[in-house]
Amino acid sequence: MAFKATLGFLTALAITALLSVGAARAEPVKLVGFGDSLMAGYQLPAGDAFPVKLEAALRAKGHEVEIANAGVSGDTTSGGLARLDWSIPDGTQGVILELGANDALRGIAPEETEKNLDTMITRLKERGIAVLLAGMLAPPNMGPEYAERFNAIYGKLAEKHDVPLYPFFLEGVVTKADLQLEDGMHPNAKGVDAMVQAMLPAAERFLTSIKAGE
């Protein structure tokens, strides 16, 4: 009887240990999509926003991940900097940082945009939060001189902070009317799908680096 009781106790301990390991492995990586209307899902149902669809695509690839949507339509890098600390909750492991499009549309000095993004990346890294920087390109109407100064921001910051860069957040959508809303600037639901598929390899590498503690 004593032997059976001991065996039963040990079996229970083993099962508990296995369940605990399984639960630990299943714990999702917590990401935040932090940006403007392109991240928020302007004029789209909540389920069609970029963070929601990227999370679904990553889960379909076997990744345990949760991506919160912290996009605010109309946000500039100045606005993003002002709300950064309270928009990114404790426990966040990674941030997809997508800001700058509205700066370019408003003709804000690229040096100011760079300074704001620089500060945001610094603050996130100080909190131990990994950053995937999503780049943007200046609209053609701003002229070549402005575009040259603006477009270089993201590569410089990625190199300075040693963070991964996804060069152009609207990859796969820009100039394609069937993937845009009538304003010709924001993606429609199909456009978001195209953006997600384009970014998916970079997002997978980002997740892998977070899991590896890099």
N, C-alpha and C. Protein backbone atom coordinates (compact mmCIF):
# COMPACT_ATOMS: atom_id res chain seq x y z
N MET A 1 0.83 -1.21 0.00
CA MET A 1 0.00 0.00 0.00
C MET A 1 0.86 1.25 0.00
N ALA A 2 1.94 1.19 0.85
CA ALA A 2 2.81 2.35 0.93
C ALA A 2 3.49 2.60 -0.41
N PHE A 3 3.90 1.47 -1.08
CA PHE A 3 4.56 1.60 -2.37
C PHE A 3 3.61 2.22 -3.40
N LYS A 4 2.35 1.73 -3.42
CA LYS A 4 1.38 2.27 -4.37
C LYS A 4 1.11 3.75 -4.12
N ALA A 5 1.04 4.12 -2.83
CA ALA A 5 0.80 5.52 -2.49
C ALA A 5 1.96 6.39 -2.96
N THR A 6 3.19 5.88 -2.74
CA THR A 6 4.36 6.63 -3.17
C THR A 6 4.41 6.76 -4.68
N LEU A 7 4.11 5.65 -5.37
CA LEU A 7 4.10 5.67 -6.83
C LEU A 7 3.06 6.65 -7.36
N GLY A 8 1.89 6.65 -6.73
CA GLY A 8 0.85 7.59 -7.14
C GLY A 8 1.26 9.03 -6.93
N PHE A 9 1.93 9.28 -5.82
CA PHE A 9 2.39 10.64 -5.51
C PHE A 9 3.42 11.10 -6.53
N LEU A 10 4.37 10.21 -6.85
CA LEU A 10 5.41 10.56 -7.82
C LEU A 10 4.82 10.78 -9.21
N THR A 11 3.83 9.96 -9.56
CA THR A 11 3.17 10.13 -10.85
C THR A 11 2.48 11.48 -10.94
N ALA A 12 1.81 11.85 -9.85
CA ALA A 12 1.12 13.15 -9.79
C ALA A 12 2.11 14.29 -9.93
N LEU A 13 3.27 14.15 -9.27
CA LEU A 13 4.30 15.19 -9.36
C LEU A 13 4.82 15.31 -10.79
N ALA A 14 5.02 14.18 -11.45
CA ALA A 14 5.52 14.19 -12.82
C ALA A 14 4.52 14.86 -13.76
N ILE A 15 3.25 14.53 -13.58
CA ILE A 15 2.21 15.13 -14.43
C ILE A 15 2.15 16.63 -14.20
N THR A 16 2.22 17.05 -12.93
CA THR A 16 2.19 18.48 -12.61
C THR A 16 3.37 19.20 -13.25
N ALA A 17 4.54 18.56 -13.19
CA ALA A 17 5.73 19.17 -13.78
C ALA A 17 5.58 19.31 -15.29
N LEU A 18 5.06 18.28 -15.94
CA LEU A 18 4.87 18.33 -17.37
C LEU A 18 3.87 19.40 -17.77
N LEU A 19 2.80 19.52 -17.00
CA LEU A 19 1.81 20.55 -17.27
C LEU A 19 2.39 21.94 -17.10
N SER A 20 3.24 22.10 -16.08
CA SER A 20 3.87 23.40 -15.84
C SER A 20 4.79 23.79 -16.98
N VAL A 21 5.57 22.80 -17.47
CA VAL A 21 6.46 23.06 -18.60
C VAL A 21 5.66 23.43 -19.84
N GLY A 22 4.56 22.71 -20.07
CA GLY A 22 3.72 23.00 -21.21
C GLY A 22 3.12 24.39 -21.14
N ALA A 23 2.69 24.78 -19.93
CA ALA A 23 2.11 26.12 -19.76
C ALA A 23 3.14 27.19 -20.02
N ALA A 24 4.39 26.92 -19.55
CA ALA A 24 5.45 27.91 -19.76
C ALA A 24 5.75 28.07 -21.24
N ARG A 25 5.78 26.95 -21.96
CA ARG A 25 6.07 27.00 -23.38
C ARG A 25 4.96 27.70 -24.15
N ALA A 26 3.75 27.60 -23.66
CA ALA A 26 2.60 28.17 -24.36
C ALA A 26 2.42 29.66 -24.07
N GLU A 27 3.21 30.18 -23.15
CA GLU A 27 3.07 31.60 -22.81
C GLU A 27 3.39 32.45 -24.03
N PRO A 28 2.44 33.27 -24.49
CA PRO A 28 2.67 34.03 -25.73
C PRO A 28 3.65 35.18 -25.54
N VAL A 29 4.38 35.48 -26.61
CA VAL A 29 5.22 36.67 -26.63
C VAL A 29 4.28 37.86 -26.80
N LYS A 30 4.48 38.89 -25.99
CA LYS A 30 3.58 40.05 -26.01
C LYS A 30 4.22 41.20 -26.78
N LEU A 31 3.59 41.54 -27.90
CA LEU A 31 4.05 42.64 -28.74
C LEU A 31 3.02 43.77 -28.76
N VAL A 32 3.48 44.94 -29.14
CA VAL A 32 2.59 46.08 -29.34
C VAL A 32 2.89 46.70 -30.70
N GLY A 33 1.85 46.92 -31.48
CA GLY A 33 1.99 47.67 -32.73
C GLY A 33 1.74 49.13 -32.41
N PHE A 34 2.78 49.94 -32.46
CA PHE A 34 2.71 51.34 -32.02
C PHE A 34 2.89 52.25 -33.24
N GLY A 35 1.83 52.97 -33.60
CA GLY A 35 1.95 53.80 -34.79
C GLY A 35 0.78 54.73 -34.99
N ASP A 36 0.52 55.05 -36.25
CA ASP A 36 -0.52 56.01 -36.61
C ASP A 36 -1.71 55.27 -37.25
N SER A 37 -2.41 55.93 -38.17
CA SER A 37 -3.60 55.33 -38.78
C SER A 37 -3.28 54.07 -39.57
N LEU A 38 -2.06 53.96 -40.09
CA LEU A 38 -1.68 52.78 -40.85
C LEU A 38 -1.63 51.55 -39.95
N MET A 39 -1.31 51.76 -38.70
CA MET A 39 -1.30 50.68 -37.71
C MET A 39 -2.69 50.51 -37.10
N ALA A 40 -3.37 51.62 -36.87
CA ALA A 40 -4.66 51.59 -36.17
C ALA A 40 -5.75 50.89 -36.97
N GLY A 41 -5.66 50.99 -38.31
CA GLY A 41 -6.70 50.41 -39.15
C GLY A 41 -7.76 51.44 -39.52
N TYR A 42 -7.32 52.55 -40.05
CA TYR A 42 -8.20 53.67 -40.41
C TYR A 42 -9.35 53.22 -41.29
N GLN A 43 -10.58 53.52 -40.83
CA GLN A 43 -11.84 53.23 -41.54
C GLN A 43 -12.07 51.74 -41.80
N LEU A 44 -11.39 50.89 -41.04
CA LEU A 44 -11.58 49.45 -41.19
C LEU A 44 -12.18 48.86 -39.92
N PRO A 45 -12.89 47.73 -40.03
CA PRO A 45 -13.33 47.03 -38.81
C PRO A 45 -12.13 46.66 -37.96
N ALA A 46 -12.32 46.59 -36.66
CA ALA A 46 -11.21 46.32 -35.75
C ALA A 46 -10.45 45.05 -36.14
N GLY A 47 -11.17 44.06 -36.62
CA GLY A 47 -10.54 42.79 -36.97
C GLY A 47 -9.67 42.84 -38.21
N ASP A 48 -9.74 43.94 -38.96
CA ASP A 48 -8.93 44.08 -40.17
C ASP A 48 -7.69 44.95 -39.94
N ALA A 49 -7.46 45.40 -38.72
CA ALA A 49 -6.29 46.23 -38.43
C ALA A 49 -5.02 45.39 -38.55
N PHE A 50 -3.93 46.04 -38.87
CA PHE A 50 -2.66 45.35 -39.10
C PHE A 50 -2.23 44.47 -37.93
N PRO A 51 -2.25 44.94 -36.67
CA PRO A 51 -1.79 44.08 -35.58
C PRO A 51 -2.62 42.80 -35.44
N VAL A 52 -3.91 42.90 -35.67
CA VAL A 52 -4.79 41.73 -35.55
C VAL A 52 -4.45 40.70 -36.62
N LYS A 53 -4.29 41.18 -37.84
CA LYS A 53 -4.01 40.26 -38.95
C LYS A 53 -2.58 39.70 -38.88
N LEU A 54 -1.65 40.50 -38.39
CA LEU A 54 -0.29 39.98 -38.25
C LEU A 54 -0.24 38.91 -37.17
N GLU A 55 -0.95 39.13 -36.07
CA GLU A 55 -1.02 38.12 -35.02
C GLU A 55 -1.59 36.81 -35.56
N ALA A 56 -2.67 36.91 -36.33
CA ALA A 56 -3.29 35.71 -36.89
C ALA A 56 -2.33 34.98 -37.84
N ALA A 57 -1.60 35.74 -38.64
CA ALA A 57 -0.66 35.13 -39.59
C ALA A 57 0.49 34.45 -38.86
N LEU A 58 0.97 35.06 -37.79
CA LEU A 58 2.05 34.47 -37.01
C LEU A 58 1.58 33.21 -36.28
N ARG A 59 0.37 33.26 -35.76
CA ARG A 59 -0.17 32.07 -35.08
C ARG A 59 -0.37 30.92 -36.07
N ALA A 60 -0.75 31.26 -37.27
CA ALA A 60 -0.91 30.23 -38.30
C ALA A 60 0.42 29.57 -38.64
N LYS A 61 1.50 30.29 -38.38
CA LYS A 61 2.85 29.76 -38.59
C LYS A 61 3.36 29.01 -37.37
N GLY A 62 2.54 28.93 -36.31
CA GLY A 62 2.92 28.18 -35.13
C GLY A 62 3.52 29.01 -34.01
N HIS A 63 3.46 30.33 -34.11
CA HIS A 63 4.02 31.20 -33.07
C HIS A 63 2.96 31.57 -32.04
N GLU A 64 3.31 31.45 -30.77
CA GLU A 64 2.43 31.91 -29.70
C GLU A 64 2.74 33.39 -29.46
N VAL A 65 1.82 34.25 -29.87
CA VAL A 65 2.07 35.68 -29.80
C VAL A 65 0.77 36.45 -29.62
N GLU A 66 0.85 37.55 -28.93
CA GLU A 66 -0.27 38.49 -28.80
C GLU A 66 0.23 39.87 -29.23
N ILE A 67 -0.51 40.53 -30.11
CA ILE A 67 -0.10 41.86 -30.58
C ILE A 67 -1.20 42.86 -30.27
N ALA A 68 -0.93 43.78 -29.36
CA ALA A 68 -1.88 44.83 -29.01
C ALA A 68 -1.79 45.96 -30.03
N ASN A 69 -2.92 46.57 -30.31
CA ASN A 69 -2.97 47.66 -31.28
C ASN A 69 -2.90 48.99 -30.54
N ALA A 70 -1.75 49.67 -30.65
CA ALA A 70 -1.59 50.99 -30.05
C ALA A 70 -1.39 52.03 -31.15
N GLY A 71 -2.15 51.89 -32.21
CA GLY A 71 -2.12 52.87 -33.29
C GLY A 71 -3.13 53.97 -33.04
N VAL A 72 -2.75 55.19 -33.33
CA VAL A 72 -3.64 56.35 -33.17
C VAL A 72 -3.63 57.15 -34.48
N SER A 73 -4.79 57.25 -35.12
CA SER A 73 -4.88 57.97 -36.38
C SER A 73 -4.45 59.43 -36.22
N GLY A 74 -3.64 59.89 -37.15
CA GLY A 74 -3.18 61.27 -37.13
C GLY A 74 -1.94 61.51 -36.30
N ASP A 75 -1.45 60.48 -35.65
CA ASP A 75 -0.31 60.65 -34.76
C ASP A 75 0.96 60.99 -35.54
N THR A 76 1.69 61.95 -35.01
CA THR A 76 3.03 62.27 -35.49
C THR A 76 4.04 61.62 -34.54
N THR A 77 5.31 61.74 -34.85
CA THR A 77 6.31 61.20 -33.92
C THR A 77 6.29 61.97 -32.61
N SER A 78 5.95 63.25 -32.66
CA SER A 78 5.83 64.04 -31.42
C SER A 78 4.71 63.51 -30.56
N GLY A 79 3.56 63.22 -31.18
CA GLY A 79 2.43 62.67 -30.44
C GLY A 79 2.75 61.30 -29.90
N GLY A 80 3.44 60.49 -30.69
CA GLY A 80 3.82 59.15 -30.23
C GLY A 80 4.75 59.21 -29.04
N LEU A 81 5.70 60.12 -29.08
CA LEU A 81 6.63 60.28 -27.97
C LEU A 81 5.90 60.68 -26.70
N ALA A 82 4.91 61.56 -26.84
CA ALA A 82 4.17 62.05 -25.67
C ALA A 82 3.38 60.95 -24.98
N ARG A 83 2.92 59.95 -25.75
CA ARG A 83 2.09 58.89 -25.16
C ARG A 83 2.82 57.56 -25.02
N LEU A 84 4.08 57.53 -25.35
CA LEU A 84 4.80 56.26 -25.40
C LEU A 84 4.74 55.48 -24.10
N ASP A 85 5.07 56.13 -22.98
CA ASP A 85 5.22 55.42 -21.72
C ASP A 85 3.92 54.75 -21.27
N TRP A 86 2.80 55.44 -21.42
CA TRP A 86 1.55 54.84 -20.95
C TRP A 86 0.86 53.97 -22.00
N SER A 87 1.30 54.07 -23.24
CA SER A 87 0.72 53.24 -24.29
C SER A 87 1.36 51.86 -24.38
N ILE A 88 2.56 51.72 -23.83
CA ILE A 88 3.28 50.46 -23.86
C ILE A 88 3.29 49.88 -22.45
N PRO A 89 2.43 48.94 -22.14
CA PRO A 89 2.30 48.44 -20.77
C PRO A 89 3.50 47.61 -20.33
N ASP A 90 3.66 47.51 -19.02
CA ASP A 90 4.68 46.62 -18.46
C ASP A 90 4.39 45.19 -18.92
N GLY A 91 5.42 44.43 -19.16
CA GLY A 91 5.26 43.07 -19.65
C GLY A 91 5.38 42.96 -21.15
N THR A 92 5.39 44.11 -21.85
CA THR A 92 5.58 44.10 -23.29
C THR A 92 7.00 43.66 -23.60
N GLN A 93 7.13 42.74 -24.55
CA GLN A 93 8.46 42.21 -24.90
C GLN A 93 9.01 42.80 -26.20
N GLY A 94 8.12 43.30 -27.03
CA GLY A 94 8.58 43.87 -28.28
C GLY A 94 7.59 44.87 -28.84
N VAL A 95 8.10 45.86 -29.56
CA VAL A 95 7.26 46.89 -30.17
C VAL A 95 7.59 47.01 -31.65
N ILE A 96 6.55 47.00 -32.48
CA ILE A 96 6.71 47.34 -33.89
C ILE A 96 6.44 48.84 -33.97
N LEU A 97 7.48 49.62 -34.17
CA LEU A 97 7.40 51.08 -34.13
C LEU A 97 7.21 51.63 -35.54
N GLU A 98 6.03 52.17 -35.79
CA GLU A 98 5.67 52.68 -37.12
C GLU A 98 5.14 54.10 -36.98
N LEU A 99 5.99 55.06 -37.18
CA LEU A 99 5.58 56.47 -37.12
C LEU A 99 6.45 57.28 -38.08
N GLY A 100 5.91 58.41 -38.51
CA GLY A 100 6.66 59.31 -39.37
C GLY A 100 5.91 59.75 -40.61
N ALA A 101 4.90 58.97 -41.02
CA ALA A 101 4.16 59.32 -42.23
C ALA A 101 3.49 60.68 -42.10
N ASN A 102 2.88 60.95 -40.95
CA ASN A 102 2.20 62.23 -40.78
C ASN A 102 3.19 63.38 -40.63
N ASP A 103 4.37 63.10 -40.13
CA ASP A 103 5.41 64.13 -40.10
C ASP A 103 5.73 64.57 -41.52
N ALA A 104 5.90 63.60 -42.41
CA ALA A 104 6.24 63.91 -43.79
C ALA A 104 5.10 64.66 -44.49
N LEU A 105 3.87 64.23 -44.25
CA LEU A 105 2.72 64.90 -44.86
C LEU A 105 2.60 66.35 -44.41
N ARG A 106 3.03 66.63 -43.20
CA ARG A 106 2.96 67.99 -42.66
C ARG A 106 4.23 68.79 -42.91
N GLY A 107 5.22 68.17 -43.52
CA GLY A 107 6.45 68.88 -43.81
C GLY A 107 7.29 69.19 -42.58
N ILE A 108 7.12 68.40 -41.53
CA ILE A 108 7.93 68.59 -40.33
C ILE A 108 9.39 68.29 -40.66
N ALA A 109 10.27 69.05 -40.09
CA ALA A 109 11.69 68.88 -40.36
C ALA A 109 12.12 67.44 -40.05
N PRO A 110 12.75 66.76 -40.99
CA PRO A 110 13.19 65.38 -40.74
C PRO A 110 14.07 65.23 -39.52
N GLU A 111 14.81 66.27 -39.19
CA GLU A 111 15.67 66.21 -38.01
C GLU A 111 14.83 66.08 -36.74
N GLU A 112 13.67 66.70 -36.73
CA GLU A 112 12.77 66.60 -35.58
C GLU A 112 12.17 65.20 -35.50
N THR A 113 11.77 64.67 -36.64
CA THR A 113 11.25 63.31 -36.69
C THR A 113 12.29 62.32 -36.19
N GLU A 114 13.50 62.48 -36.66
CA GLU A 114 14.59 61.58 -36.25
C GLU A 114 14.83 61.67 -34.74
N LYS A 115 14.82 62.87 -34.21
CA LYS A 115 15.05 63.07 -32.77
C LYS A 115 13.97 62.36 -31.95
N ASN A 116 12.71 62.50 -32.38
CA ASN A 116 11.60 61.87 -31.64
C ASN A 116 11.69 60.34 -31.69
N LEU A 117 11.95 59.80 -32.86
CA LEU A 117 12.08 58.34 -33.00
C LEU A 117 13.28 57.84 -32.20
N ASP A 118 14.36 58.59 -32.23
CA ASP A 118 15.56 58.24 -31.48
C ASP A 118 15.24 58.12 -29.99
N THR A 119 14.51 59.10 -29.47
CA THR A 119 14.14 59.09 -28.05
C THR A 119 13.23 57.93 -27.72
N MET A 120 12.28 57.63 -28.61
CA MET A 120 11.36 56.52 -28.37
C MET A 120 12.11 55.18 -28.31
N ILE A 121 13.00 54.97 -29.27
CA ILE A 121 13.76 53.72 -29.27
C ILE A 121 14.61 53.60 -28.01
N THR A 122 15.23 54.70 -27.62
CA THR A 122 16.06 54.71 -26.41
C THR A 122 15.24 54.34 -25.19
N ARG A 123 14.07 54.94 -25.05
CA ARG A 123 13.21 54.66 -23.89
C ARG A 123 12.76 53.20 -23.87
N LEU A 124 12.39 52.68 -25.01
CA LEU A 124 11.94 51.29 -25.07
C LEU A 124 13.07 50.34 -24.70
N LYS A 125 14.24 50.58 -25.23
CA LYS A 125 15.38 49.70 -24.93
C LYS A 125 15.78 49.80 -23.46
N GLU A 126 15.63 50.98 -22.88
CA GLU A 126 15.93 51.13 -21.45
C GLU A 126 14.99 50.28 -20.60
N ARG A 127 13.79 50.02 -21.13
CA ARG A 127 12.81 49.18 -20.42
C ARG A 127 12.99 47.70 -20.77
N GLY A 128 13.99 47.39 -21.57
CA GLY A 128 14.22 46.00 -21.95
C GLY A 128 13.26 45.51 -23.01
N ILE A 129 12.69 46.43 -23.79
CA ILE A 129 11.72 46.08 -24.82
C ILE A 129 12.39 46.13 -26.20
N ALA A 130 12.29 45.02 -26.92
CA ALA A 130 12.87 44.96 -28.26
C ALA A 130 12.07 45.82 -29.23
N VAL A 131 12.73 46.32 -30.26
CA VAL A 131 12.09 47.21 -31.23
C VAL A 131 12.32 46.70 -32.65
N LEU A 132 11.23 46.61 -33.41
CA LEU A 132 11.29 46.42 -34.86
C LEU A 132 10.86 47.74 -35.47
N LEU A 133 11.79 48.44 -36.11
CA LEU A 133 11.51 49.76 -36.67
C LEU A 133 10.94 49.62 -38.08
N ALA A 134 9.75 50.17 -38.28
CA ALA A 134 9.11 50.14 -39.60
C ALA A 134 9.32 51.49 -40.28
N GLY A 135 9.98 51.46 -41.42
CA GLY A 135 10.31 52.69 -42.11
C GLY A 135 9.16 53.24 -42.95
N MET A 136 9.35 54.49 -43.36
CA MET A 136 8.37 55.18 -44.20
C MET A 136 9.15 55.99 -45.23
N LEU A 137 8.49 56.30 -46.34
CA LEU A 137 9.08 57.13 -47.39
C LEU A 137 8.29 58.42 -47.51
N ALA A 138 8.98 59.50 -47.77
CA ALA A 138 8.32 60.80 -47.94
C ALA A 138 7.51 60.81 -49.23
N PRO A 139 6.36 61.48 -49.24
CA PRO A 139 5.56 61.56 -50.47
C PRO A 139 6.31 62.39 -51.53
N PRO A 140 6.12 62.06 -52.80
CA PRO A 140 6.87 62.73 -53.88
C PRO A 140 6.69 64.24 -53.91
N ASN A 141 5.51 64.72 -53.49
CA ASN A 141 5.25 66.15 -53.58
C ASN A 141 6.09 66.99 -52.62
N MET A 142 6.79 66.32 -51.69
CA MET A 142 7.63 67.06 -50.76
C MET A 142 8.97 67.45 -51.40
N GLY A 143 9.25 66.90 -52.57
CA GLY A 143 10.47 67.27 -53.27
C GLY A 143 11.64 66.37 -52.92
N PRO A 144 12.64 66.30 -53.81
CA PRO A 144 13.76 65.38 -53.62
C PRO A 144 14.65 65.72 -52.43
N GLU A 145 14.83 67.00 -52.14
CA GLU A 145 15.71 67.38 -51.04
C GLU A 145 15.14 66.93 -49.71
N TYR A 146 13.83 67.15 -49.52
CA TYR A 146 13.17 66.71 -48.29
C TYR A 146 13.18 65.19 -48.21
N ALA A 147 12.87 64.53 -49.32
CA ALA A 147 12.82 63.05 -49.34
C ALA A 147 14.18 62.45 -48.99
N GLU A 148 15.23 63.03 -49.49
CA GLU A 148 16.57 62.52 -49.19
C GLU A 148 16.86 62.58 -47.69
N ARG A 149 16.48 63.68 -47.06
CA ARG A 149 16.71 63.84 -45.62
C ARG A 149 15.80 62.93 -44.81
N PHE A 150 14.53 62.84 -45.23
CA PHE A 150 13.56 62.05 -44.47
C PHE A 150 13.80 60.56 -44.61
N ASN A 151 13.98 60.09 -45.82
CA ASN A 151 14.07 58.65 -46.07
C ASN A 151 15.27 58.00 -45.40
N ALA A 152 16.28 58.79 -45.13
CA ALA A 152 17.51 58.24 -44.52
C ALA A 152 17.38 58.02 -43.01
N ILE A 153 16.34 58.59 -42.41
CA ILE A 153 16.19 58.55 -40.95
C ILE A 153 16.21 57.12 -40.42
N TYR A 154 15.43 56.26 -41.01
CA TYR A 154 15.17 54.94 -40.43
C TYR A 154 16.41 54.04 -40.46
N GLY A 155 17.13 54.07 -41.56
CA GLY A 155 18.35 53.29 -41.63
C GLY A 155 19.38 53.75 -40.62
N LYS A 156 19.50 55.06 -40.47
CA LYS A 156 20.46 55.60 -39.50
C LYS A 156 20.12 55.17 -38.08
N LEU A 157 18.83 55.24 -37.74
CA LEU A 157 18.41 54.89 -36.38
C LEU A 157 18.55 53.39 -36.12
N ALA A 158 18.24 52.57 -37.12
CA ALA A 158 18.39 51.12 -36.97
C ALA A 158 19.84 50.76 -36.71
N GLU A 159 20.74 51.42 -37.42
CA GLU A 159 22.17 51.15 -37.24
C GLU A 159 22.64 51.67 -35.89
N LYS A 160 22.21 52.87 -35.52
CA LYS A 160 22.64 53.46 -34.26
C LYS A 160 22.23 52.61 -33.07
N HIS A 161 21.00 52.11 -33.08
CA HIS A 161 20.46 51.37 -31.93
C HIS A 161 20.56 49.86 -32.09
N ASP A 162 21.08 49.41 -33.23
CA ASP A 162 21.21 47.98 -33.50
C ASP A 162 19.86 47.28 -33.35
N VAL A 163 18.85 47.83 -34.04
CA VAL A 163 17.52 47.22 -34.06
C VAL A 163 17.18 46.82 -35.49
N PRO A 164 16.36 45.80 -35.68
CA PRO A 164 15.98 45.40 -37.04
C PRO A 164 15.12 46.47 -37.71
N LEU A 165 15.31 46.62 -39.01
CA LEU A 165 14.57 47.61 -39.79
C LEU A 165 13.75 46.91 -40.86
N TYR A 166 12.46 47.24 -40.89
CA TYR A 166 11.62 46.85 -42.01
C TYR A 166 11.50 48.11 -42.86
N PRO A 167 12.13 48.17 -44.01
CA PRO A 167 12.36 49.45 -44.70
C PRO A 167 11.12 50.29 -45.03
N PHE A 168 10.01 49.64 -45.42
CA PHE A 168 8.85 50.42 -45.87
C PHE A 168 7.57 49.73 -45.43
N PHE A 169 6.86 50.34 -44.50
CA PHE A 169 5.69 49.71 -43.90
C PHE A 169 4.59 49.44 -44.93
N LEU A 170 4.48 50.29 -45.95
CA LEU A 170 3.43 50.13 -46.96
C LEU A 170 3.86 49.27 -48.14
N GLU A 171 4.89 48.48 -47.95
CA GLU A 171 5.37 47.58 -49.00
C GLU A 171 4.24 46.70 -49.51
N GLY A 172 4.09 46.68 -50.83
CA GLY A 172 3.07 45.83 -51.44
C GLY A 172 1.74 46.52 -51.66
N VAL A 173 1.60 47.76 -51.17
CA VAL A 173 0.31 48.45 -51.24
C VAL A 173 0.40 49.76 -52.03
N VAL A 174 1.46 50.51 -51.82
CA VAL A 174 1.58 51.82 -52.44
C VAL A 174 1.50 51.70 -53.97
N THR A 175 0.78 52.62 -54.58
CA THR A 175 0.53 52.71 -56.04
C THR A 175 -0.47 51.67 -56.55
N LYS A 176 -1.02 50.84 -55.66
CA LYS A 176 -1.99 49.82 -56.09
C LYS A 176 -3.38 50.22 -55.61
N ALA A 177 -4.17 50.81 -56.50
CA ALA A 177 -5.46 51.38 -56.14
C ALA A 177 -6.42 50.33 -55.57
N ASP A 178 -6.34 49.09 -56.03
CA ASP A 178 -7.26 48.07 -55.56
C ASP A 178 -6.96 47.63 -54.13
N LEU A 179 -5.82 48.04 -53.60
CA LEU A 179 -5.46 47.69 -52.23
C LEU A 179 -5.55 48.89 -51.28
N GLN A 180 -6.11 49.98 -51.79
CA GLN A 180 -6.19 51.21 -50.99
C GLN A 180 -7.64 51.68 -50.83
N LEU A 181 -7.84 52.48 -49.80
CA LEU A 181 -9.12 53.16 -49.66
C LEU A 181 -9.23 54.25 -50.72
N GLU A 182 -10.36 54.88 -50.81
CA GLU A 182 -10.57 55.90 -51.84
C GLU A 182 -9.63 57.09 -51.69
N ASP A 183 -9.09 57.30 -50.47
CA ASP A 183 -8.18 58.43 -50.28
C ASP A 183 -6.82 58.21 -50.94
N GLY A 184 -6.56 56.97 -51.40
CA GLY A 184 -5.30 56.69 -52.06
C GLY A 184 -4.10 56.69 -51.15
N MET A 185 -4.34 56.66 -49.83
CA MET A 185 -3.24 56.72 -48.87
C MET A 185 -3.24 55.54 -47.91
N HIS A 186 -4.45 55.11 -47.50
CA HIS A 186 -4.55 54.05 -46.50
C HIS A 186 -4.92 52.72 -47.15
N PRO A 187 -4.45 51.62 -46.58
CA PRO A 187 -4.80 50.32 -47.14
C PRO A 187 -6.23 49.92 -46.81
N ASN A 188 -6.87 49.20 -47.73
CA ASN A 188 -8.15 48.57 -47.39
C ASN A 188 -7.83 47.20 -46.78
N ALA A 189 -8.85 46.39 -46.54
CA ALA A 189 -8.63 45.10 -45.87
C ALA A 189 -7.67 44.22 -46.67
N LYS A 190 -7.83 44.21 -48.00
CA LYS A 190 -6.92 43.41 -48.83
C LYS A 190 -5.51 43.98 -48.80
N GLY A 191 -5.44 45.30 -48.69
CA GLY A 191 -4.14 45.94 -48.60
C GLY A 191 -3.42 45.57 -47.32
N VAL A 192 -4.16 45.49 -46.22
CA VAL A 192 -3.55 45.06 -44.96
C VAL A 192 -3.03 43.63 -45.08
N ASP A 193 -3.80 42.78 -45.75
CA ASP A 193 -3.34 41.40 -45.98
C ASP A 193 -2.01 41.39 -46.72
N ALA A 194 -1.90 42.25 -47.73
CA ALA A 194 -0.65 42.32 -48.51
C ALA A 194 0.50 42.82 -47.64
N MET A 195 0.24 43.79 -46.79
CA MET A 195 1.27 44.32 -45.90
C MET A 195 1.73 43.25 -44.91
N VAL A 196 0.77 42.50 -44.39
CA VAL A 196 1.10 41.44 -43.43
C VAL A 196 1.98 40.38 -44.08
N GLN A 197 1.62 39.95 -45.27
CA GLN A 197 2.41 38.93 -45.96
C GLN A 197 3.81 39.43 -46.27
N ALA A 198 3.92 40.71 -46.60
CA ALA A 198 5.24 41.27 -46.91
C ALA A 198 6.11 41.34 -45.66
N MET A 199 5.52 41.67 -44.52
CA MET A 199 6.30 41.83 -43.29
C MET A 199 6.50 40.51 -42.55
N LEU A 200 5.75 39.49 -42.87
CA LEU A 200 5.75 38.25 -42.09
C LEU A 200 7.15 37.67 -41.85
N PRO A 201 8.02 37.56 -42.84
CA PRO A 201 9.36 37.03 -42.56
C PRO A 201 10.13 37.86 -41.55
N ALA A 202 10.04 39.19 -41.66
CA ALA A 202 10.72 40.07 -40.71
C ALA A 202 10.13 39.93 -39.31
N ALA A 203 8.80 39.79 -39.24
CA ALA A 203 8.14 39.62 -37.94
C ALA A 203 8.54 38.30 -37.29
N GLU A 204 8.68 37.25 -38.10
CA GLU A 204 9.11 35.95 -37.56
C GLU A 204 10.54 36.04 -37.01
N ARG A 205 11.41 36.71 -37.74
CA ARG A 205 12.79 36.88 -37.26
C ARG A 205 12.80 37.69 -35.96
N PHE A 206 11.95 38.69 -35.88
CA PHE A 206 11.85 39.51 -34.68
C PHE A 206 11.41 38.68 -33.48
N LEU A 207 10.40 37.85 -33.67
CA LEU A 207 9.93 36.97 -32.61
C LEU A 207 11.02 36.00 -32.17
N THR A 208 11.70 35.44 -33.13
CA THR A 208 12.78 34.48 -32.81
C THR A 208 13.86 35.14 -31.97
N SER A 209 14.21 36.38 -32.31
CA SER A 209 15.26 37.09 -31.55
C SER A 209 14.80 37.38 -30.13
N ILE A 210 13.51 37.69 -29.96
CA ILE A 210 12.98 37.96 -28.62
C ILE A 210 13.02 36.68 -27.78
N LYS A 211 12.59 35.57 -28.37
CA LYS A 211 12.60 34.29 -27.66
C LYS A 211 14.01 33.88 -27.27
N ALA A 212 14.97 34.23 -28.12
CA ALA A 212 16.36 33.88 -27.86
C ALA A 212 17.02 34.85 -26.89
N GLY A 213 16.31 35.91 -26.55
CA GLY A 213 16.84 36.89 -25.62
C GLY A 213 17.92 37.76 -26.20
N GLU A 214 17.90 37.93 -27.51
CA GLU A 214 18.93 38.75 -28.17
C GLU A 214 18.62 40.23 -28.03
